[in-house]
Amino acid sequence: MQPEPSDLIASGYEAFYAAWGQSPTLRQIWRQYATGPEYPEEFAHISFLSLTQLRSLTEGLALTAGQVLVDLACGAGGPGLWAAKESGARLVGIDLSPMATKRAAERVGPLGMGGRATFSEGTFEATGLESASADAVMTVDALQYAPDKTKAISEVARILRPSGRFAFVAFELDPERVAGLPFWQDAVPDYRPRLEQVGFDVVRYDQTPNWSDQVAAGFGAILDQRDALEAELGEAAAAAIVMEAAVTIELKPYCGHVLGVATRR
């Protein structure tokens, strides 16, 4: 029996987050090509998200102190923790990887976020959260992997209170290029129709400048440095990020990289 795509993705992320923070080579690559050198290291992540974009996303959430922010597919928690710390919100992080949520939880104390941030396992389609329990929801560079985008966005709508904000950064998928591939199911080239269908009003929907060049340069550097990454991260963790880099460069599955903000009706 072949493993499900979701299982392959989960096992790759488990291996990667088990080695989180052990690769100076990866940190250098990501600061140069993905985040920019001004991004604060204590909130590091593995998404194509600069500090300027994170500020825009946080502004789109329109949070006030004490409100509840949910970060879906939070990974090691960096962007969500930054948004919560800046806004004074309380953070609930959800990720399918137990190791990722462990790494995220380890950052709470050093960041002075004790009592204001919790992390648990879940998926886009099954967060495990109560209905209307969040004032805002965010996700960064993960929505493209949701196997059913309509179900994922419907779950966001369910956990949001009326008029709550959903702010996200995500890659748009080219349906022709990813046809038949297991990792990019339900290829969506534009998230706006799905958002509106589920019950959101789109506030903004902006392409990330120079996103294609950033992805090519960042993942190209990953491939160039695969030996150093394997030495620093270990074989399994390095294989996960090298595979993502190789497939992305070879297939060019993305047709856009957007920062979107929508309000629940």
C-alpha atoms as a PDB file:
ATOM      1  CA  MET A   1       0.000   0.000   0.000  1.00  0.00           C
ATOM      2  CA  GLN A   2       1.379   3.399  -1.013  1.00  0.00           C
ATOM      3  CA  PRO A   3       1.476   6.062   1.734  1.00  0.00           C
ATOM      4  CA  GLU A   4      -0.961   8.945   1.431  1.00  0.00           C
ATOM      5  CA  PRO A   5       0.498  12.293   0.243  1.00  0.00           C
ATOM      6  CA  SER A   6      -0.448  13.848   3.574  1.00  0.00           C
ATOM      7  CA  ASP A   7       1.569  11.146   5.363  1.00  0.00           C
ATOM      8  CA  LEU A   8       4.609  11.825   3.181  1.00  0.00           C
ATOM      9  CA  ILE A   9       4.370  15.556   3.836  1.00  0.00           C
ATOM     10  CA  ALA A  10       3.919  14.975   7.561  1.00  0.00           C
ATOM     11  CA  SER A  11       6.902  12.612   7.818  1.00  0.00           C
ATOM     12  CA  GLY A  12       9.092  15.071   5.939  1.00  0.00           C
ATOM     13  CA  TYR A  13       8.179  17.926   8.243  1.00  0.00           C
ATOM     14  CA  GLU A  14       8.642  15.747  11.318  1.00  0.00           C
ATOM     15  CA  ALA A  15      12.202  14.999  10.249  1.00  0.00           C
ATOM     16  CA  PHE A  16      12.875  18.619   9.374  1.00  0.00           C
ATOM     17  CA  TYR A  17      11.586  20.071  12.646  1.00  0.00           C
ATOM     18  CA  ALA A  18      13.440  17.436  14.642  1.00  0.00           C
ATOM     19  CA  ALA A  19      16.605  19.097  13.307  1.00  0.00           C
ATOM     20  CA  TRP A  20      15.236  22.651  13.535  1.00  0.00           C
ATOM     21  CA  GLY A  21      17.904  25.282  14.159  1.00  0.00           C
ATOM     22  CA  GLN A  22      20.886  23.018  13.474  1.00  0.00           C
ATOM     23  CA  SER A  23      21.899  24.359  10.061  1.00  0.00           C
ATOM     24  CA  PRO A  24      23.817  27.634   9.724  1.00  0.00           C
ATOM     25  CA  THR A  25      23.806  27.040   5.959  1.00  0.00           C
ATOM     26  CA  LEU A  26      20.011  26.968   5.802  1.00  0.00           C
ATOM     27  CA  ARG A  27      19.713  30.091   7.975  1.00  0.00           C
ATOM     28  CA  GLN A  28      22.100  31.962   5.666  1.00  0.00           C
ATOM     29  CA  ILE A  29      20.251  30.844   2.532  1.00  0.00           C
ATOM     30  CA  TRP A  30      16.882  31.806   3.943  1.00  0.00           C
ATOM     31  CA  ARG A  31      18.002  35.227   5.162  1.00  0.00           C
ATOM     32  CA  GLN A  32      19.558  35.982   1.792  1.00  0.00           C
ATOM     33  CA  TYR A  33      16.775  34.776  -0.488  1.00  0.00           C
ATOM     34  CA  ALA A  34      13.512  34.344   1.464  1.00  0.00           C
ATOM     35  CA  THR A  35      13.193  36.690   4.452  1.00  0.00           C
ATOM     36  CA  GLY A  36      15.842  39.379   4.010  1.00  0.00           C
ATOM     37  CA  PRO A  37      18.536  40.198   6.580  1.00  0.00           C
ATOM     38  CA  GLU A  38      16.254  42.487   8.621  1.00  0.00           C
ATOM     39  CA  TYR A  39      13.920  39.653   9.620  1.00  0.00           C
ATOM     40  CA  PRO A  40      14.336  38.939  13.396  1.00  0.00           C
ATOM     41  CA  GLU A  41      16.078  35.605  13.909  1.00  0.00           C
ATOM     42  CA  GLU A  42      14.079  34.765  17.055  1.00  0.00           C
ATOM     43  CA  PHE A  43      10.972  34.493  14.847  1.00  0.00           C
ATOM     44  CA  ALA A  44      12.660  32.483  12.069  1.00  0.00           C
ATOM     45  CA  HIS A  45      10.561  30.334   9.745  1.00  0.00           C
ATOM     46  CA  ILE A  46      10.825  28.412   6.462  1.00  0.00           C
ATOM     47  CA  SER A  47       8.391  30.449   4.353  1.00  0.00           C
ATOM     48  CA  PHE A  48       8.963  33.058   1.668  1.00  0.00           C
ATOM     49  CA  LEU A  49       7.913  35.880   3.981  1.00  0.00           C
ATOM     50  CA  SER A  50       9.790  39.112   4.631  1.00  0.00           C
ATOM     51  CA  LEU A  51       9.356  41.344   7.656  1.00  0.00           C
ATOM     52  CA  THR A  52       7.561  43.909   5.479  1.00  0.00           C
ATOM     53  CA  GLN A  53       5.083  41.257   4.336  1.00  0.00           C
ATOM     54  CA  LEU A  54       4.608  39.984   7.891  1.00  0.00           C
ATOM     55  CA  ARG A  55       3.791  43.517   9.007  1.00  0.00           C
ATOM     56  CA  SER A  56       1.239  43.838   6.197  1.00  0.00           C
ATOM     57  CA  LEU A  57      -0.319  40.510   7.108  1.00  0.00           C
ATOM     58  CA  THR A  58      -0.533  41.500  10.781  1.00  0.00           C
ATOM     59  CA  GLU A  59      -2.132  44.830   9.900  1.00  0.00           C
ATOM     60  CA  GLY A  60      -4.681  42.924   7.831  1.00  0.00           C
ATOM     61  CA  LEU A  61      -5.664  40.846  10.858  1.00  0.00           C
ATOM     62  CA  ALA A  62      -6.841  44.047  12.608  1.00  0.00           C
ATOM     63  CA  LEU A  63      -6.237  42.555  16.059  1.00  0.00           C
ATOM     64  CA  THR A  64      -6.518  44.271  19.424  1.00  0.00           C
ATOM     65  CA  ALA A  65      -4.940  43.220  22.716  1.00  0.00           C
ATOM     66  CA  GLY A  66      -6.472  40.123  24.260  1.00  0.00           C
ATOM     67  CA  GLN A  67      -8.132  38.838  21.104  1.00  0.00           C
ATOM     68  CA  VAL A  68      -7.540  35.290  19.858  1.00  0.00           C
ATOM     69  CA  LEU A  69      -5.376  34.676  16.796  1.00  0.00           C
ATOM     70  CA  VAL A  70      -5.197  31.202  15.241  1.00  0.00           C
ATOM     71  CA  ASP A  71      -2.166  30.347  13.099  1.00  0.00           C
ATOM     72  CA  LEU A  72      -2.933  27.355  10.852  1.00  0.00           C
ATOM     73  CA  ALA A  73      -0.033  25.186   9.685  1.00  0.00           C
ATOM     74  CA  CYS A  74       2.058  27.227  12.108  1.00  0.00           C
ATOM     75  CA  GLY A  75       5.274  25.218  11.778  1.00  0.00           C
ATOM     76  CA  ALA A  76       7.780  26.345  14.406  1.00  0.00           C
ATOM     77  CA  GLY A  77       5.526  29.306  15.145  1.00  0.00           C
ATOM     78  CA  GLY A  78       7.678  32.281  14.140  1.00  0.00           C
ATOM     79  CA  PRO A  79       5.253  34.499  12.161  1.00  0.00           C
ATOM     80  CA  GLY A  80       2.299  33.772  14.432  1.00  0.00           C
ATOM     81  CA  LEU A  81       4.306  34.550  17.552  1.00  0.00           C
ATOM     82  CA  TRP A  82       5.503  37.811  15.983  1.00  0.00           C
ATOM     83  CA  ALA A  83       1.942  38.837  15.061  1.00  0.00           C
ATOM     84  CA  ALA A  84       0.648  37.992  18.532  1.00  0.00           C
ATOM     85  CA  LYS A  85       3.482  39.786  20.303  1.00  0.00           C
ATOM     86  CA  GLU A  86       3.100  42.916  18.191  1.00  0.00           C
ATOM     87  CA  SER A  87      -0.692  43.070  18.567  1.00  0.00           C
ATOM     88  CA  GLY A  88      -1.059  41.849  22.135  1.00  0.00           C
ATOM     89  CA  ALA A  89      -3.252  38.983  20.966  1.00  0.00           C
ATOM     90  CA  ARG A  90      -3.380  35.461  22.359  1.00  0.00           C
ATOM     91  CA  LEU A  91      -2.076  32.844  19.932  1.00  0.00           C
ATOM     92  CA  VAL A  92      -3.327  29.350  19.168  1.00  0.00           C
ATOM     93  CA  GLY A  93      -1.037  27.525  16.741  1.00  0.00           C
ATOM     94  CA  ILE A  94      -2.176  24.428  14.846  1.00  0.00           C
ATOM     95  CA  ASP A  95       0.061  22.114  12.815  1.00  0.00           C
ATOM     96  CA  LEU A  96      -0.068  18.525  11.578  1.00  0.00           C
ATOM     97  CA  SER A  97       3.495  17.910  12.832  1.00  0.00           C
ATOM     98  CA  PRO A  98       3.897  17.145  16.560  1.00  0.00           C
ATOM     99  CA  MET A  99       7.575  18.069  16.291  1.00  0.00           C
ATOM    100  CA  ALA A 100       6.709  21.452  14.791  1.00  0.00           C
ATOM    101  CA  THR A 101       4.310  22.283  17.624  1.00  0.00           C
ATOM    102  CA  LYS A 102       6.966  21.169  20.115  1.00  0.00           C
ATOM    103  CA  ARG A 103       9.504  23.541  18.545  1.00  0.00           C
ATOM    104  CA  ALA A 104       6.942  26.356  18.537  1.00  0.00           C
ATOM    105  CA  ALA A 105       6.120  25.792  22.219  1.00  0.00           C
ATOM    106  CA  GLU A 106       9.821  25.933  23.082  1.00  0.00           C
ATOM    107  CA  ARG A 107       9.942  29.533  21.812  1.00  0.00           C
ATOM    108  CA  VAL A 108       7.121  30.838  24.010  1.00  0.00           C
ATOM    109  CA  GLY A 109       9.117  31.356  27.213  1.00  0.00           C
ATOM    110  CA  PRO A 110      12.198  33.013  25.687  1.00  0.00           C
ATOM    111  CA  LEU A 111       9.926  35.423  23.798  1.00  0.00           C
ATOM    112  CA  GLY A 112       8.097  36.440  26.973  1.00  0.00           C
ATOM    113  CA  MET A 113       4.831  34.972  25.670  1.00  0.00           C
ATOM    114  CA  GLY A 114       4.052  32.676  28.600  1.00  0.00           C
ATOM    115  CA  GLY A 115       0.307  32.295  29.089  1.00  0.00           C
ATOM    116  CA  ARG A 116      -0.415  33.890  25.700  1.00  0.00           C
ATOM    117  CA  ALA A 117       0.481  31.146  23.216  1.00  0.00           C
ATOM    118  CA  THR A 118      -0.444  27.485  22.917  1.00  0.00           C
ATOM    119  CA  PHE A 119       0.191  24.933  20.164  1.00  0.00           C
ATOM    120  CA  SER A 120      -1.565  21.694  19.270  1.00  0.00           C
ATOM    121  CA  GLU A 121      -1.932  19.172  16.449  1.00  0.00           C
ATOM    122  CA  GLY A 122      -4.534  19.594  13.740  1.00  0.00           C
ATOM    123  CA  THR A 123      -5.051  20.180  10.036  1.00  0.00           C
ATOM    124  CA  PHE A 124      -6.676  22.759   7.789  1.00  0.00           C
ATOM    125  CA  GLU A 125      -9.835  20.663   7.588  1.00  0.00           C
ATOM    126  CA  ALA A 126      -9.904  19.603  11.249  1.00  0.00           C
ATOM    127  CA  THR A 127      -8.442  22.174  13.619  1.00  0.00           C
ATOM    128  CA  GLY A 128     -10.080  20.754  16.734  1.00  0.00           C
ATOM    129  CA  LEU A 129     -11.173  24.267  17.731  1.00  0.00           C
ATOM    130  CA  GLU A 130     -14.641  25.401  18.754  1.00  0.00           C
ATOM    131  CA  SER A 131     -16.875  27.288  16.339  1.00  0.00           C
ATOM    132  CA  ALA A 132     -16.607  31.107  16.478  1.00  0.00           C
ATOM    133  CA  SER A 133     -13.657  30.861  18.890  1.00  0.00           C
ATOM    134  CA  ALA A 134     -11.176  33.049  16.958  1.00  0.00           C
ATOM    135  CA  ASP A 135     -11.071  36.766  16.254  1.00  0.00           C
ATOM    136  CA  ALA A 136      -8.581  36.270  13.420  1.00  0.00           C
ATOM    137  CA  VAL A 137      -6.901  33.442  11.512  1.00  0.00           C
ATOM    138  CA  MET A 138      -3.613  33.478   9.624  1.00  0.00           C
ATOM    139  CA  THR A 139      -1.569  31.015   7.603  1.00  0.00           C
ATOM    140  CA  VAL A 140       1.716  31.398   5.733  1.00  0.00           C
ATOM    141  CA  ASP A 141       2.846  29.420   2.656  1.00  0.00           C
ATOM    142  CA  ALA A 142       0.808  26.336   3.516  1.00  0.00           C
ATOM    143  CA  LEU A 143      -2.684  26.696   2.049  1.00  0.00           C
ATOM    144  CA  GLN A 144      -1.451  25.426  -1.328  1.00  0.00           C
ATOM    145  CA  TYR A 145      -0.885  22.022   0.282  1.00  0.00           C
ATOM    146  CA  ALA A 146      -4.432  21.664   1.649  1.00  0.00           C
ATOM    147  CA  PRO A 147      -5.977  18.698  -0.204  1.00  0.00           C
ATOM    148  CA  ASP A 148      -9.395  20.388  -0.395  1.00  0.00           C
ATOM    149  CA  LYS A 149      -9.209  24.189  -0.400  1.00  0.00           C
ATOM    150  CA  THR A 150     -12.960  24.664  -0.008  1.00  0.00           C
ATOM    151  CA  LYS A 151     -13.029  22.477   3.111  1.00  0.00           C
ATOM    152  CA  ALA A 152      -9.973  24.270   4.471  1.00  0.00           C
ATOM    153  CA  ILE A 153     -11.474  27.730   3.973  1.00  0.00           C
ATOM    154  CA  SER A 154     -14.805  26.497   5.353  1.00  0.00           C
ATOM    155  CA  GLU A 155     -13.015  25.423   8.527  1.00  0.00           C
ATOM    156  CA  VAL A 156     -11.480  28.891   8.787  1.00  0.00           C
ATOM    157  CA  ALA A 157     -14.968  30.387   8.471  1.00  0.00           C
ATOM    158  CA  ARG A 158     -16.322  28.008  11.122  1.00  0.00           C
ATOM    159  CA  ILE A 159     -13.764  28.918  13.790  1.00  0.00           C
ATOM    160  CA  LEU A 160     -13.944  32.662  13.062  1.00  0.00           C
ATOM    161  CA  ARG A 161     -16.399  34.967  14.757  1.00  0.00           C
ATOM    162  CA  PRO A 162     -18.618  37.073  12.452  1.00  0.00           C
ATOM    163  CA  SER A 163     -16.573  39.923  10.917  1.00  0.00           C
ATOM    164  CA  GLY A 164     -13.355  38.131  11.891  1.00  0.00           C
ATOM    165  CA  ARG A 165     -10.355  38.476   9.583  1.00  0.00           C
ATOM    166  CA  PHE A 166      -8.498  35.775   7.641  1.00  0.00           C
ATOM    167  CA  ALA A 167      -5.057  36.887   6.431  1.00  0.00           C
ATOM    168  CA  PHE A 168      -2.810  34.557   4.478  1.00  0.00           C
ATOM    169  CA  VAL A 169       0.216  34.259   2.268  1.00  0.00           C
ATOM    170  CA  ALA A 170      -0.009  31.392  -0.214  1.00  0.00           C
ATOM    171  CA  PHE A 171       1.157  30.156  -3.564  1.00  0.00           C
ATOM    172  CA  GLU A 172      -1.375  29.936  -6.371  1.00  0.00           C
ATOM    173  CA  LEU A 173      -1.148  26.660  -8.300  1.00  0.00           C
ATOM    174  CA  ASP A 174      -0.994  26.177 -12.048  1.00  0.00           C
ATOM    175  CA  PRO A 175      -3.579  23.394 -12.664  1.00  0.00           C
ATOM    176  CA  GLU A 176      -1.887  22.146 -15.831  1.00  0.00           C
ATOM    177  CA  ARG A 177       1.553  21.851 -14.265  1.00  0.00           C
ATOM    178  CA  VAL A 178       0.389  19.965 -11.159  1.00  0.00           C
ATOM    179  CA  ALA A 179      -2.229  17.736 -12.793  1.00  0.00           C
ATOM    180  CA  GLY A 180      -1.974  14.233 -11.356  1.00  0.00           C
ATOM    181  CA  LEU A 181       0.634  15.114  -8.750  1.00  0.00           C
ATOM    182  CA  PRO A 182      -0.154  13.959  -5.204  1.00  0.00           C
ATOM    183  CA  PHE A 183       1.355  16.842  -3.234  1.00  0.00           C
ATOM    184  CA  TRP A 184      -0.671  19.632  -4.826  1.00  0.00           C
ATOM    185  CA  GLN A 185      -4.250  18.454  -4.879  1.00  0.00           C
ATOM    186  CA  ASP A 186      -7.196  20.715  -5.737  1.00  0.00           C
ATOM    187  CA  ALA A 187      -5.057  23.159  -7.724  1.00  0.00           C
ATOM    188  CA  VAL A 188      -6.341  26.694  -7.169  1.00  0.00           C
ATOM    189  CA  PRO A 189      -4.935  29.461  -9.408  1.00  0.00           C
ATOM    190  CA  ASP A 190      -6.937  32.177  -7.575  1.00  0.00           C
ATOM    191  CA  TYR A 191      -8.282  31.847  -4.024  1.00  0.00           C
ATOM    192  CA  ARG A 192     -10.832  34.655  -4.291  1.00  0.00           C
ATOM    193  CA  PRO A 193     -13.717  32.590  -5.749  1.00  0.00           C
ATOM    194  CA  ARG A 194     -13.330  29.969  -3.013  1.00  0.00           C
ATOM    195  CA  LEU A 195     -13.255  32.637  -0.314  1.00  0.00           C
ATOM    196  CA  GLU A 196     -16.385  34.300  -1.627  1.00  0.00           C
ATOM    197  CA  GLN A 197     -18.151  30.964  -2.077  1.00  0.00           C
ATOM    198  CA  VAL A 198     -17.566  30.034   1.564  1.00  0.00           C
ATOM    199  CA  GLY A 199     -18.729  33.371   2.976  1.00  0.00           C
ATOM    200  CA  PHE A 200     -15.831  35.812   2.951  1.00  0.00           C
ATOM    201  CA  ASP A 201     -15.523  39.300   1.506  1.00  0.00           C
ATOM    202  CA  VAL A 202     -12.049  39.824   0.046  1.00  0.00           C
ATOM    203  CA  VAL A 203     -10.416  42.983   1.401  1.00  0.00           C
ATOM    204  CA  ARG A 204      -7.099  42.737  -0.434  1.00  0.00           C
ATOM    205  CA  TYR A 205      -5.350  40.299  -2.725  1.00  0.00           C
ATOM    206  CA  ASP A 206      -1.845  41.323  -3.758  1.00  0.00           C
ATOM    207  CA  GLN A 207       0.907  39.503  -5.605  1.00  0.00           C
ATOM    208  CA  THR A 208       4.263  39.351  -3.828  1.00  0.00           C
ATOM    209  CA  PRO A 209       6.849  41.349  -5.815  1.00  0.00           C
ATOM    210  CA  ASN A 210       9.577  39.261  -7.476  1.00  0.00           C
ATOM    211  CA  TRP A 211       8.243  36.071  -5.900  1.00  0.00           C
ATOM    212  CA  SER A 212       9.309  33.835  -8.795  1.00  0.00           C
ATOM    213  CA  ASP A 213      12.918  35.044  -8.688  1.00  0.00           C
ATOM    214  CA  GLN A 214      13.030  34.571  -4.904  1.00  0.00           C
ATOM    215  CA  VAL A 215      11.761  31.011  -5.114  1.00  0.00           C
ATOM    216  CA  ALA A 216      14.186  30.105  -7.888  1.00  0.00           C
ATOM    217  CA  ALA A 217      17.150  31.652  -6.061  1.00  0.00           C
ATOM    218  CA  GLY A 218      16.275  30.233  -2.650  1.00  0.00           C
ATOM    219  CA  PHE A 219      15.549  26.707  -3.785  1.00  0.00           C
ATOM    220  CA  GLY A 220      18.471  26.825  -6.208  1.00  0.00           C
ATOM    221  CA  ALA A 221      20.767  27.588  -3.287  1.00  0.00           C
ATOM    222  CA  ILE A 222      19.252  24.670  -1.365  1.00  0.00           C
ATOM    223  CA  LEU A 223      20.185  22.327  -4.211  1.00  0.00           C
ATOM    224  CA  ASP A 224      23.670  23.806  -4.512  1.00  0.00           C
ATOM    225  CA  GLN A 225      24.278  23.308  -0.783  1.00  0.00           C
ATOM    226  CA  ARG A 226      22.648  19.906  -0.352  1.00  0.00           C
ATOM    227  CA  ASP A 227      25.848  18.279   0.970  1.00  0.00           C
ATOM    228  CA  ALA A 228      26.276  20.934   3.672  1.00  0.00           C
ATOM    229  CA  LEU A 229      22.586  20.690   4.576  1.00  0.00           C
ATOM    230  CA  GLU A 230      22.804  16.915   4.942  1.00  0.00           C
ATOM    231  CA  ALA A 231      25.875  17.244   7.164  1.00  0.00           C
ATOM    232  CA  GLU A 232      24.158  19.797   9.405  1.00  0.00           C
ATOM    233  CA  LEU A 233      20.555  18.544   9.424  1.00  0.00           C
ATOM    234  CA  GLY A 234      20.962  14.823   8.872  1.00  0.00           C
ATOM    235  CA  GLU A 235      19.893  12.777   5.870  1.00  0.00           C
ATOM    236  CA  ALA A 236      16.125  12.649   6.495  1.00  0.00           C
ATOM    237  CA  ALA A 237      15.654  16.338   7.295  1.00  0.00           C
ATOM    238  CA  ALA A 238      17.837  17.485   4.409  1.00  0.00           C
ATOM    239  CA  ALA A 239      16.004  15.150   2.030  1.00  0.00           C
ATOM    240  CA  ALA A 240      12.675  16.789   2.858  1.00  0.00           C
ATOM    241  CA  ILE A 241      13.716  20.320   1.950  1.00  0.00           C
ATOM    242  CA  VAL A 242      15.926  19.230  -0.984  1.00  0.00           C
ATOM    243  CA  MET A 243      13.000  17.299  -2.476  1.00  0.00           C
ATOM    244  CA  GLU A 244      10.697  20.313  -2.181  1.00  0.00           C
ATOM    245  CA  ALA A 245      13.332  22.500  -3.805  1.00  0.00           C
ATOM    246  CA  ALA A 246      13.999  20.071  -6.660  1.00  0.00           C
ATOM    247  CA  VAL A 247      10.331  19.485  -7.477  1.00  0.00           C
ATOM    248  CA  THR A 248       9.501  23.193  -7.335  1.00  0.00           C
ATOM    249  CA  ILE A 249      12.354  24.206  -9.619  1.00  0.00           C
ATOM    250  CA  GLU A 250      11.750  21.391 -12.102  1.00  0.00           C
ATOM    251  CA  LEU A 251       7.950  21.588 -12.369  1.00  0.00           C
ATOM    252  CA  LYS A 252       7.343  25.288 -11.650  1.00  0.00           C
ATOM    253  CA  PRO A 253       3.961  24.478 -10.064  1.00  0.00           C
ATOM    254  CA  TYR A 254       3.132  28.030  -8.996  1.00  0.00           C
ATOM    255  CA  CYS A 255       1.538  30.824 -10.992  1.00  0.00           C
ATOM    256  CA  GLY A 256       1.442  33.401  -8.212  1.00  0.00           C
ATOM    257  CA  HIS A 257       2.307  34.188  -4.590  1.00  0.00           C
ATOM    258  CA  VAL A 258      -0.299  36.306  -2.858  1.00  0.00           C
ATOM    259  CA  LEU A 259      -0.984  38.117   0.376  1.00  0.00           C
ATOM    260  CA  GLY A 260      -4.737  38.035   0.914  1.00  0.00           C
ATOM    261  CA  VAL A 261      -7.069  39.433   3.553  1.00  0.00           C
ATOM    262  CA  ALA A 262     -10.740  38.525   3.838  1.00  0.00           C
ATOM    263  CA  THR A 263     -13.539  39.244   6.296  1.00  0.00           C
ATOM    264  CA  ARG A 264     -16.069  36.639   7.397  1.00  0.00           C
ATOM    265  CA  ARG A 265     -19.623  37.712   6.647  1.00  0.00           C
END
